[in-house]
Amino acid sequence: MKRLLLAFVLLLPTLACAGSLQPLAATNTPALLQAPAHGMRIIALWSLDCAYCEPNLEALAKLQRAHPHDIELVTVTTDSIESHEAIEARLHSMQMDVYPARAYAEASPERINFLLDPNWGGETPRVLVIRADGSRIGISGALTPEQLHKLL
């Protein structure tokens, strides 16, 4: 019983961080864009008013669940952290609240857009894939099954 309690206490910070919405400022982008130790980090950029974002997020979550040791999925909404209640409600309704989530926390969202990907015009959905070797790709628009397959 003590081991189970200890394991729970050690796991608690991870659980608390996974589903809680965090602000994303310009100073946070370098850490988010850092290459993972292994596999890949997929940053799913979305917004509350995006019609294609929910299917993209669902497809990426399915891909991550199929490869949990190789894919780290992080959601980033381009909406302001001030809309945190609506953002958290949407993430919960999409069952995406188990993944690390960020929301823009600066008055100039274009600056964060540029820092995340200088080739990105701000359209959503957008997916950034950062591999352990440091290579990166960006995909805008609704993901096709072929694009999802190529990510692996």
C-alpha atoms as a PDB file:
ATOM      1  CA  MET A   1       0.000   0.000   0.000  1.00  0.00           C
ATOM      2  CA  LYS A   2       2.835   2.386   0.846  1.00  0.00           C
ATOM      3  CA  ARG A   3       4.424   1.742  -2.565  1.00  0.00           C
ATOM      4  CA  LEU A   4       1.161   2.530  -4.316  1.00  0.00           C
ATOM      5  CA  LEU A   5       0.822   5.764  -2.356  1.00  0.00           C
ATOM      6  CA  LEU A   6       4.426   6.712  -3.111  1.00  0.00           C
ATOM      7  CA  ALA A   7       3.927   6.016  -6.833  1.00  0.00           C
ATOM      8  CA  PHE A   8       0.818   8.192  -6.833  1.00  0.00           C
ATOM      9  CA  VAL A   9       2.618  11.050  -5.068  1.00  0.00           C
ATOM     10  CA  LEU A  10       5.499  10.870  -7.569  1.00  0.00           C
ATOM     11  CA  LEU A  11       3.091  10.814 -10.513  1.00  0.00           C
ATOM     12  CA  LEU A  12       0.932  13.678  -9.250  1.00  0.00           C
ATOM     13  CA  PRO A  13       3.028  16.550 -10.728  1.00  0.00           C
ATOM     14  CA  THR A  14       2.889  14.895 -14.148  1.00  0.00           C
ATOM     15  CA  LEU A  15      -0.859  14.451 -13.948  1.00  0.00           C
ATOM     16  CA  ALA A  16      -1.361  18.012 -12.786  1.00  0.00           C
ATOM     17  CA  CYS A  17       0.692  19.413 -15.666  1.00  0.00           C
ATOM     18  CA  ALA A  18      -0.760  17.217 -18.416  1.00  0.00           C
ATOM     19  CA  GLY A  19      -4.283  18.532 -18.341  1.00  0.00           C
ATOM     20  CA  SER A  20      -3.798  22.096 -17.149  1.00  0.00           C
ATOM     21  CA  LEU A  21      -3.778  25.015 -19.550  1.00  0.00           C
ATOM     22  CA  GLN A  22      -0.539  27.007 -19.363  1.00  0.00           C
ATOM     23  CA  PRO A  23       0.260  30.428 -20.842  1.00  0.00           C
ATOM     24  CA  LEU A  24       2.588  30.595 -23.837  1.00  0.00           C
ATOM     25  CA  ALA A  25       4.707  33.728 -24.043  1.00  0.00           C
ATOM     26  CA  ALA A  26       7.613  34.508 -26.337  1.00  0.00           C
ATOM     27  CA  THR A  27      10.044  33.530 -23.590  1.00  0.00           C
ATOM     28  CA  ASN A  28       8.501  30.031 -23.432  1.00  0.00           C
ATOM     29  CA  THR A  29       8.802  29.200 -27.120  1.00  0.00           C
ATOM     30  CA  PRO A  30      12.464  28.035 -27.119  1.00  0.00           C
ATOM     31  CA  ALA A  31      11.700  25.313 -24.569  1.00  0.00           C
ATOM     32  CA  LEU A  32       8.604  24.223 -26.478  1.00  0.00           C
ATOM     33  CA  LEU A  33      10.586  24.020 -29.730  1.00  0.00           C
ATOM     34  CA  GLN A  34      13.493  22.110 -28.244  1.00  0.00           C
ATOM     35  CA  ALA A  35      14.064  18.698 -29.824  1.00  0.00           C
ATOM     36  CA  PRO A  36      12.806  15.835 -27.667  1.00  0.00           C
ATOM     37  CA  ALA A  37      15.272  13.264 -26.312  1.00  0.00           C
ATOM     38  CA  HIS A  38      13.734  10.590 -28.547  1.00  0.00           C
ATOM     39  CA  GLY A  39      10.867  10.242 -30.979  1.00  0.00           C
ATOM     40  CA  MET A  40       9.029  13.419 -31.854  1.00  0.00           C
ATOM     41  CA  ARG A  41       7.066  16.265 -30.372  1.00  0.00           C
ATOM     42  CA  ILE A  42       3.942  17.237 -32.254  1.00  0.00           C
ATOM     43  CA  ILE A  43       2.671  20.729 -31.563  1.00  0.00           C
ATOM     44  CA  ALA A  44      -0.937  21.018 -32.665  1.00  0.00           C
ATOM     45  CA  LEU A  45      -1.890  24.657 -33.205  1.00  0.00           C
ATOM     46  CA  TRP A  46      -5.617  25.343 -33.141  1.00  0.00           C
ATOM     47  CA  SER A  47      -8.184  27.988 -32.295  1.00  0.00           C
ATOM     48  CA  LEU A  48     -11.686  28.086 -30.865  1.00  0.00           C
ATOM     49  CA  ASP A  49     -13.216  29.288 -34.142  1.00  0.00           C
ATOM     50  CA  CYS A  50     -11.436  26.766 -36.400  1.00  0.00           C
ATOM     51  CA  ALA A  51     -13.740  24.285 -38.148  1.00  0.00           C
ATOM     52  CA  TYR A  52     -10.985  21.807 -39.073  1.00  0.00           C
ATOM     53  CA  CYS A  53      -9.092  21.887 -35.800  1.00  0.00           C
ATOM     54  CA  GLU A  54     -11.167  19.383 -33.858  1.00  0.00           C
ATOM     55  CA  PRO A  55     -10.792  16.549 -36.408  1.00  0.00           C
ATOM     56  CA  ASN A  56      -7.046  17.312 -36.609  1.00  0.00           C
ATOM     57  CA  LEU A  57      -6.671  17.149 -32.834  1.00  0.00           C
ATOM     58  CA  GLU A  58      -8.624  13.896 -32.684  1.00  0.00           C
ATOM     59  CA  ALA A  59      -6.475  12.333 -35.424  1.00  0.00           C
ATOM     60  CA  LEU A  60      -3.266  13.441 -33.703  1.00  0.00           C
ATOM     61  CA  ALA A  61      -4.476  12.091 -30.358  1.00  0.00           C
ATOM     62  CA  LYS A  62      -5.257   8.749 -31.990  1.00  0.00           C
ATOM     63  CA  LEU A  63      -1.775   8.687 -33.537  1.00  0.00           C
ATOM     64  CA  GLN A  64      -0.170   9.530 -30.189  1.00  0.00           C
ATOM     65  CA  ARG A  65      -2.141   6.818 -28.379  1.00  0.00           C
ATOM     66  CA  ALA A  66      -0.930   4.296 -30.982  1.00  0.00           C
ATOM     67  CA  HIS A  67       2.699   5.399 -30.388  1.00  0.00           C
ATOM     68  CA  PRO A  68       2.791   6.668 -26.787  1.00  0.00           C
ATOM     69  CA  HIS A  69       6.542   6.191 -26.331  1.00  0.00           C
ATOM     70  CA  ASP A  70       7.486   7.857 -29.618  1.00  0.00           C
ATOM     71  CA  ILE A  71       5.135  10.842 -29.802  1.00  0.00           C
ATOM     72  CA  GLU A  72       4.691  13.692 -27.369  1.00  0.00           C
ATOM     73  CA  LEU A  73       1.577  15.702 -28.248  1.00  0.00           C
ATOM     74  CA  VAL A  74       1.181  19.305 -27.097  1.00  0.00           C
ATOM     75  CA  THR A  75      -1.793  21.476 -28.003  1.00  0.00           C
ATOM     76  CA  VAL A  76      -1.387  25.221 -28.457  1.00  0.00           C
ATOM     77  CA  THR A  77      -4.370  27.443 -29.039  1.00  0.00           C
ATOM     78  CA  THR A  78      -3.778  30.753 -30.741  1.00  0.00           C
ATOM     79  CA  ASP A  79      -6.559  32.201 -28.593  1.00  0.00           C
ATOM     80  CA  SER A  80      -5.673  34.359 -25.607  1.00  0.00           C
ATOM     81  CA  ILE A  81      -5.158  32.727 -22.218  1.00  0.00           C
ATOM     82  CA  GLU A  82      -7.830  35.193 -21.060  1.00  0.00           C
ATOM     83  CA  SER A  83     -10.351  32.834 -22.730  1.00  0.00           C
ATOM     84  CA  HIS A  84      -9.115  29.987 -20.523  1.00  0.00           C
ATOM     85  CA  GLU A  85     -12.595  28.864 -19.450  1.00  0.00           C
ATOM     86  CA  ALA A  86     -13.785  28.429 -23.050  1.00  0.00           C
ATOM     87  CA  ILE A  87     -10.482  26.809 -24.057  1.00  0.00           C
ATOM     88  CA  GLU A  88     -10.533  24.354 -21.169  1.00  0.00           C
ATOM     89  CA  ALA A  89     -14.181  23.509 -21.863  1.00  0.00           C
ATOM     90  CA  ARG A  90     -13.418  22.815 -25.529  1.00  0.00           C
ATOM     91  CA  LEU A  91     -10.369  20.684 -24.689  1.00  0.00           C
ATOM     92  CA  HIS A  92     -12.491  18.715 -22.237  1.00  0.00           C
ATOM     93  CA  SER A  93     -15.325  18.198 -24.738  1.00  0.00           C
ATOM     94  CA  MET A  94     -12.788  16.913 -27.311  1.00  0.00           C
ATOM     95  CA  GLN A  95     -11.165  14.688 -24.655  1.00  0.00           C
ATOM     96  CA  MET A  96      -7.898  16.537 -25.289  1.00  0.00           C
ATOM     97  CA  ASP A  97      -7.508  17.755 -21.717  1.00  0.00           C
ATOM     98  CA  VAL A  98      -5.128  14.874 -20.940  1.00  0.00           C
ATOM     99  CA  TYR A  99      -2.402  16.461 -23.093  1.00  0.00           C
ATOM    100  CA  PRO A 100      -0.200  19.425 -22.198  1.00  0.00           C
ATOM    101  CA  ALA A 101      -1.973  22.556 -23.407  1.00  0.00           C
ATOM    102  CA  ARG A 102      -0.854  26.118 -23.963  1.00  0.00           C
ATOM    103  CA  ALA A 103      -2.643  29.344 -24.904  1.00  0.00           C
ATOM    104  CA  TYR A 104      -1.153  32.587 -26.184  1.00  0.00           C
ATOM    105  CA  ALA A 105      -0.321  35.023 -23.397  1.00  0.00           C
ATOM    106  CA  GLU A 106       0.916  38.106 -25.241  1.00  0.00           C
ATOM    107  CA  ALA A 107      -0.772  41.092 -26.810  1.00  0.00           C
ATOM    108  CA  SER A 108       0.983  40.387 -30.125  1.00  0.00           C
ATOM    109  CA  PRO A 109       0.046  36.881 -31.292  1.00  0.00           C
ATOM    110  CA  GLU A 110       1.934  37.445 -34.554  1.00  0.00           C
ATOM    111  CA  ARG A 111       5.175  37.505 -32.582  1.00  0.00           C
ATOM    112  CA  ILE A 112       4.512  34.072 -31.092  1.00  0.00           C
ATOM    113  CA  ASN A 113       3.429  32.790 -34.519  1.00  0.00           C
ATOM    114  CA  PHE A 114       6.769  33.900 -35.968  1.00  0.00           C
ATOM    115  CA  LEU A 115       8.783  32.469 -33.083  1.00  0.00           C
ATOM    116  CA  LEU A 116       7.033  29.108 -33.423  1.00  0.00           C
ATOM    117  CA  ASP A 117       7.498  28.960 -37.193  1.00  0.00           C
ATOM    118  CA  PRO A 118       8.760  31.867 -39.325  1.00  0.00           C
ATOM    119  CA  ASN A 119       7.163  30.226 -42.390  1.00  0.00           C
ATOM    120  CA  TRP A 120       3.693  30.175 -40.818  1.00  0.00           C
ATOM    121  CA  GLY A 121       1.083  32.789 -41.638  1.00  0.00           C
ATOM    122  CA  GLY A 122      -1.093  32.104 -38.595  1.00  0.00           C
ATOM    123  CA  GLU A 123      -3.722  29.893 -40.244  1.00  0.00           C
ATOM    124  CA  THR A 124      -5.170  27.011 -38.232  1.00  0.00           C
ATOM    125  CA  PRO A 125      -4.998  24.140 -37.970  1.00  0.00           C
ATOM    126  CA  ARG A 126      -1.209  23.933 -38.096  1.00  0.00           C
ATOM    127  CA  VAL A 127       1.005  21.067 -36.988  1.00  0.00           C
ATOM    128  CA  LEU A 128       4.669  21.402 -36.127  1.00  0.00           C
ATOM    129  CA  VAL A 129       6.656  18.191 -35.886  1.00  0.00           C
ATOM    130  CA  ILE A 130       9.994  18.343 -34.101  1.00  0.00           C
ATOM    131  CA  ARG A 131      12.082  15.197 -34.218  1.00  0.00           C
ATOM    132  CA  ALA A 132      14.823  14.097 -31.830  1.00  0.00           C
ATOM    133  CA  ASP A 133      17.425  14.787 -34.546  1.00  0.00           C
ATOM    134  CA  GLY A 134      16.328  18.447 -34.584  1.00  0.00           C
ATOM    135  CA  SER A 135      14.549  18.313 -37.939  1.00  0.00           C
ATOM    136  CA  ARG A 136      11.209  20.100 -38.208  1.00  0.00           C
ATOM    137  CA  ILE A 137       8.264  20.152 -40.541  1.00  0.00           C
ATOM    138  CA  GLY A 138       5.108  22.218 -40.554  1.00  0.00           C
ATOM    139  CA  ILE A 139       1.768  21.263 -42.071  1.00  0.00           C
ATOM    140  CA  SER A 140      -1.169  23.646 -42.439  1.00  0.00           C
ATOM    141  CA  GLY A 141      -4.770  22.643 -42.973  1.00  0.00           C
ATOM    142  CA  ALA A 142      -6.756  19.499 -42.381  1.00  0.00           C
ATOM    143  CA  LEU A 143      -4.498  16.469 -42.116  1.00  0.00           C
ATOM    144  CA  THR A 144      -4.993  13.671 -44.610  1.00  0.00           C
ATOM    145  CA  PRO A 145      -4.421  10.017 -43.702  1.00  0.00           C
ATOM    146  CA  GLU A 146      -1.345  10.093 -45.957  1.00  0.00           C
ATOM    147  CA  GLN A 147       0.135  13.051 -44.067  1.00  0.00           C
ATOM    148  CA  LEU A 148      -0.482  11.326 -40.742  1.00  0.00           C
ATOM    149  CA  HIS A 149       1.223   8.184 -42.018  1.00  0.00           C
ATOM    150  CA  LYS A 150       4.235  10.200 -43.226  1.00  0.00           C
ATOM    151  CA  LEU A 151       4.704  11.671 -39.760  1.00  0.00           C
ATOM    152  CA  LEU A 152       5.838   8.281 -38.553  1.00  0.00           C
END
